[in-house]
Amino acid sequence: MDAQELRRIADDCAVELPGADVEHRTGPDWDLYKVRGKVFMLMTDMPGRPVVILKADPDDAAALRERHPDITPGYHMDKRHWITVDGGGTVDERLARELVIDSYRLVVGGLPKSEQPVDPHAYGRQA
């Protein structure tokens, strides 16, 4: 999928998540996706290409970067805890949606229990 399709899929997934909000910033252009005020996804343009930036477990992030050339360390973020996803041949719709939901769950899991809109250990997992 190309970068625009990746961004459309990530946006569609993110806005459906319980408690998710999107904030559009200009100059430079950044779209911040938050749950209870905490960022779980960003979209921006790196030089020459649009990207999606997501939170990831450090071990998962390393494995994803090894398996997928279109996944790199987080652009302008902590390189261990964030990944940058480019449109390309190694990221399909299913993986893109999984990465968005995993990022959301990680952020929700860091919220006080009283602020969690879902159970981060169960939400979005297949039974």
C-alpha atoms as a PDB file:
ATOM      1  CA  MET A   1       0.000   0.000   0.000  1.00  0.00           C
ATOM      2  CA  ASP A   2       1.233   3.514  -0.610  1.00  0.00           C
ATOM      3  CA  ALA A   3       1.756   6.134   2.102  1.00  0.00           C
ATOM      4  CA  GLN A   4      -1.595   7.864   1.563  1.00  0.00           C
ATOM      5  CA  GLU A   5      -3.480   4.573   1.880  1.00  0.00           C
ATOM      6  CA  LEU A   6      -1.503   3.734   5.030  1.00  0.00           C
ATOM      7  CA  ARG A   7      -2.453   7.080   6.557  1.00  0.00           C
ATOM      8  CA  ARG A   8      -6.118   6.626   5.623  1.00  0.00           C
ATOM      9  CA  ILE A   9      -6.230   3.158   7.206  1.00  0.00           C
ATOM     10  CA  ALA A  10      -4.401   4.319  10.353  1.00  0.00           C
ATOM     11  CA  ASP A  11      -6.709   7.342  10.701  1.00  0.00           C
ATOM     12  CA  ASP A  12      -9.859   5.259  10.167  1.00  0.00           C
ATOM     13  CA  CYS A  13      -8.701   2.787  12.819  1.00  0.00           C
ATOM     14  CA  ALA A  14      -7.579   5.415  15.338  1.00  0.00           C
ATOM     15  CA  VAL A  15     -10.723   7.548  15.285  1.00  0.00           C
ATOM     16  CA  GLU A  16     -12.852   4.480  16.076  1.00  0.00           C
ATOM     17  CA  LEU A  17     -10.937   3.709  19.290  1.00  0.00           C
ATOM     18  CA  PRO A  18     -12.776   4.471  22.553  1.00  0.00           C
ATOM     19  CA  GLY A  19     -11.786   7.856  23.981  1.00  0.00           C
ATOM     20  CA  ALA A  20      -9.548   8.759  21.028  1.00  0.00           C
ATOM     21  CA  ASP A  21      -9.217  12.373  19.896  1.00  0.00           C
ATOM     22  CA  VAL A  22      -7.278  13.911  17.027  1.00  0.00           C
ATOM     23  CA  GLU A  23      -5.538  17.268  17.154  1.00  0.00           C
ATOM     24  CA  HIS A  24      -4.416  18.928  13.910  1.00  0.00           C
ATOM     25  CA  ARG A  25      -1.401  21.206  14.236  1.00  0.00           C
ATOM     26  CA  THR A  26      -0.055  23.383  11.473  1.00  0.00           C
ATOM     27  CA  GLY A  27       3.383  24.780  10.768  1.00  0.00           C
ATOM     28  CA  PRO A  28       4.790  22.111  10.719  1.00  0.00           C
ATOM     29  CA  ASP A  29       1.855  19.856   9.944  1.00  0.00           C
ATOM     30  CA  TRP A  30       1.310  17.182  12.579  1.00  0.00           C
ATOM     31  CA  ASP A  31      -1.797  15.175  13.395  1.00  0.00           C
ATOM     32  CA  LEU A  32      -1.705  13.923  16.992  1.00  0.00           C
ATOM     33  CA  TYR A  33      -3.986  11.085  18.044  1.00  0.00           C
ATOM     34  CA  LYS A  34      -4.540  10.975  21.777  1.00  0.00           C
ATOM     35  CA  VAL A  35      -6.404   9.020  24.411  1.00  0.00           C
ATOM     36  CA  ARG A  36      -7.103  10.955  27.623  1.00  0.00           C
ATOM     37  CA  GLY A  37      -4.542  13.553  26.519  1.00  0.00           C
ATOM     38  CA  LYS A  38      -1.711  11.061  25.869  1.00  0.00           C
ATOM     39  CA  VAL A  39      -0.381  10.616  22.324  1.00  0.00           C
ATOM     40  CA  PHE A  40      -0.556   7.142  20.798  1.00  0.00           C
ATOM     41  CA  MET A  41      -0.115   8.026  17.100  1.00  0.00           C
ATOM     42  CA  LEU A  42       1.261  10.892  15.045  1.00  0.00           C
ATOM     43  CA  MET A  43       1.136  11.624  11.342  1.00  0.00           C
ATOM     44  CA  THR A  44       3.435  14.034   9.565  1.00  0.00           C
ATOM     45  CA  ASP A  45       5.571  14.395   6.477  1.00  0.00           C
ATOM     46  CA  MET A  46       9.192  13.433   6.730  1.00  0.00           C
ATOM     47  CA  PRO A  47      11.284  14.960   3.962  1.00  0.00           C
ATOM     48  CA  GLY A  48       9.669  13.625   0.814  1.00  0.00           C
ATOM     49  CA  ARG A  49       7.120  11.242   2.299  1.00  0.00           C
ATOM     50  CA  PRO A  50       4.166  11.040   4.683  1.00  0.00           C
ATOM     51  CA  VAL A  51       4.556   8.711   7.669  1.00  0.00           C
ATOM     52  CA  VAL A  52       2.691   7.277  10.642  1.00  0.00           C
ATOM     53  CA  ILE A  53       4.485   7.217  14.005  1.00  0.00           C
ATOM     54  CA  LEU A  54       3.318   4.759  16.675  1.00  0.00           C
ATOM     55  CA  LYS A  55       4.259   3.706  20.191  1.00  0.00           C
ATOM     56  CA  ALA A  56       5.575   0.149  20.420  1.00  0.00           C
ATOM     57  CA  ASP A  57       6.929  -2.203  23.055  1.00  0.00           C
ATOM     58  CA  PRO A  58      10.741  -1.992  22.695  1.00  0.00           C
ATOM     59  CA  ASP A  59      11.154  -5.732  21.985  1.00  0.00           C
ATOM     60  CA  ASP A  60       8.321  -5.695  19.452  1.00  0.00           C
ATOM     61  CA  ALA A  61       9.706  -2.533  17.845  1.00  0.00           C
ATOM     62  CA  ALA A  62      13.101  -4.147  17.297  1.00  0.00           C
ATOM     63  CA  ALA A  63      11.520  -7.270  15.782  1.00  0.00           C
ATOM     64  CA  LEU A  64       9.254  -5.200  13.526  1.00  0.00           C
ATOM     65  CA  ARG A  65      12.209  -3.163  12.251  1.00  0.00           C
ATOM     66  CA  GLU A  66      14.104  -6.371  11.475  1.00  0.00           C
ATOM     67  CA  ARG A  67      11.198  -7.934   9.542  1.00  0.00           C
ATOM     68  CA  HIS A  68       9.848  -4.875   7.738  1.00  0.00           C
ATOM     69  CA  PRO A  69      12.051  -2.432   5.810  1.00  0.00           C
ATOM     70  CA  ASP A  70       9.118   0.026   5.885  1.00  0.00           C
ATOM     71  CA  ILE A  71       9.284   0.232   9.708  1.00  0.00           C
ATOM     72  CA  THR A  72      12.082   2.341  11.170  1.00  0.00           C
ATOM     73  CA  PRO A  73      12.843   3.986  14.528  1.00  0.00           C
ATOM     74  CA  GLY A  74      10.416   6.712  15.604  1.00  0.00           C
ATOM     75  CA  TYR A  75      10.940  10.016  13.800  1.00  0.00           C
ATOM     76  CA  HIS A  76      11.608  12.763  16.395  1.00  0.00           C
ATOM     77  CA  MET A  77      10.635  10.315  19.159  1.00  0.00           C
ATOM     78  CA  ASP A  78      12.336   7.914  21.594  1.00  0.00           C
ATOM     79  CA  LYS A  79      13.823   5.373  19.177  1.00  0.00           C
ATOM     80  CA  ARG A  80      13.241   2.402  21.518  1.00  0.00           C
ATOM     81  CA  HIS A  81       9.567   3.073  22.226  1.00  0.00           C
ATOM     82  CA  TRP A  82       8.323   4.512  18.928  1.00  0.00           C
ATOM     83  CA  ILE A  83       8.327   3.328  15.321  1.00  0.00           C
ATOM     84  CA  THR A  84       7.850   5.122  12.023  1.00  0.00           C
ATOM     85  CA  VAL A  85       5.768   3.285   9.435  1.00  0.00           C
ATOM     86  CA  ASP A  86       6.118   4.138   5.740  1.00  0.00           C
ATOM     87  CA  GLY A  87       3.829   3.014   2.976  1.00  0.00           C
ATOM     88  CA  GLY A  88       5.457   0.177   1.123  1.00  0.00           C
ATOM     89  CA  GLY A  89       5.342  -3.455   0.236  1.00  0.00           C
ATOM     90  CA  THR A  90       5.930  -4.943   3.687  1.00  0.00           C
ATOM     91  CA  VAL A  91       3.063  -3.281   5.572  1.00  0.00           C
ATOM     92  CA  ASP A  92      -0.459  -4.412   4.730  1.00  0.00           C
ATOM     93  CA  GLU A  93      -3.823  -3.220   6.075  1.00  0.00           C
ATOM     94  CA  ARG A  94      -4.011  -5.908   8.772  1.00  0.00           C
ATOM     95  CA  LEU A  95      -0.556  -5.067  10.137  1.00  0.00           C
ATOM     96  CA  ALA A  96      -1.255  -1.324  10.018  1.00  0.00           C
ATOM     97  CA  ARG A  97      -4.448  -1.742  12.063  1.00  0.00           C
ATOM     98  CA  GLU A  98      -2.687  -4.060  14.554  1.00  0.00           C
ATOM     99  CA  LEU A  99       0.094  -1.519  15.064  1.00  0.00           C
ATOM    100  CA  VAL A 100      -2.393   1.298  15.713  1.00  0.00           C
ATOM    101  CA  ILE A 101      -4.364  -0.788  18.218  1.00  0.00           C
ATOM    102  CA  ASP A 102      -1.177  -2.013  19.941  1.00  0.00           C
ATOM    103  CA  SER A 103       0.024   1.586  20.301  1.00  0.00           C
ATOM    104  CA  TYR A 104      -3.341   2.630  21.733  1.00  0.00           C
ATOM    105  CA  ARG A 105      -3.290  -0.268  24.226  1.00  0.00           C
ATOM    106  CA  LEU A 106       0.216   0.632  25.390  1.00  0.00           C
ATOM    107  CA  VAL A 107      -0.828   4.211  26.109  1.00  0.00           C
ATOM    108  CA  VAL A 108      -4.112   3.188  27.756  1.00  0.00           C
ATOM    109  CA  GLY A 109      -2.160   0.737  29.921  1.00  0.00           C
ATOM    110  CA  GLY A 110      -0.095   3.626  31.265  1.00  0.00           C
ATOM    111  CA  LEU A 111      -3.138   5.612  32.334  1.00  0.00           C
ATOM    112  CA  PRO A 112      -4.572   5.427  35.845  1.00  0.00           C
ATOM    113  CA  LYS A 113      -7.143   2.635  35.936  1.00  0.00           C
ATOM    114  CA  SER A 114      -9.952   5.137  36.552  1.00  0.00           C
ATOM    115  CA  GLU A 115      -9.098   6.915  33.266  1.00  0.00           C
ATOM    116  CA  GLN A 116      -8.771   3.843  31.058  1.00  0.00           C
ATOM    117  CA  PRO A 117     -11.615   3.791  28.513  1.00  0.00           C
ATOM    118  CA  VAL A 118     -11.021   0.048  27.925  1.00  0.00           C
ATOM    119  CA  ASP A 119      -9.143  -2.827  29.521  1.00  0.00           C
ATOM    120  CA  PRO A 120      -5.773  -2.550  27.715  1.00  0.00           C
ATOM    121  CA  HIS A 121      -5.039  -6.253  28.221  1.00  0.00           C
ATOM    122  CA  ALA A 122      -8.241  -7.420  26.552  1.00  0.00           C
ATOM    123  CA  TYR A 123      -9.245  -4.705  24.068  1.00  0.00           C
ATOM    124  CA  GLY A 124      -8.899  -5.734  20.430  1.00  0.00           C
ATOM    125  CA  ARG A 125      -7.522  -9.165  21.175  1.00  0.00           C
ATOM    126  CA  GLN A 126      -8.972 -12.162  19.395  1.00  0.00           C
ATOM    127  CA  ALA A 127     -10.717 -14.641  21.686  1.00  0.00           C
END
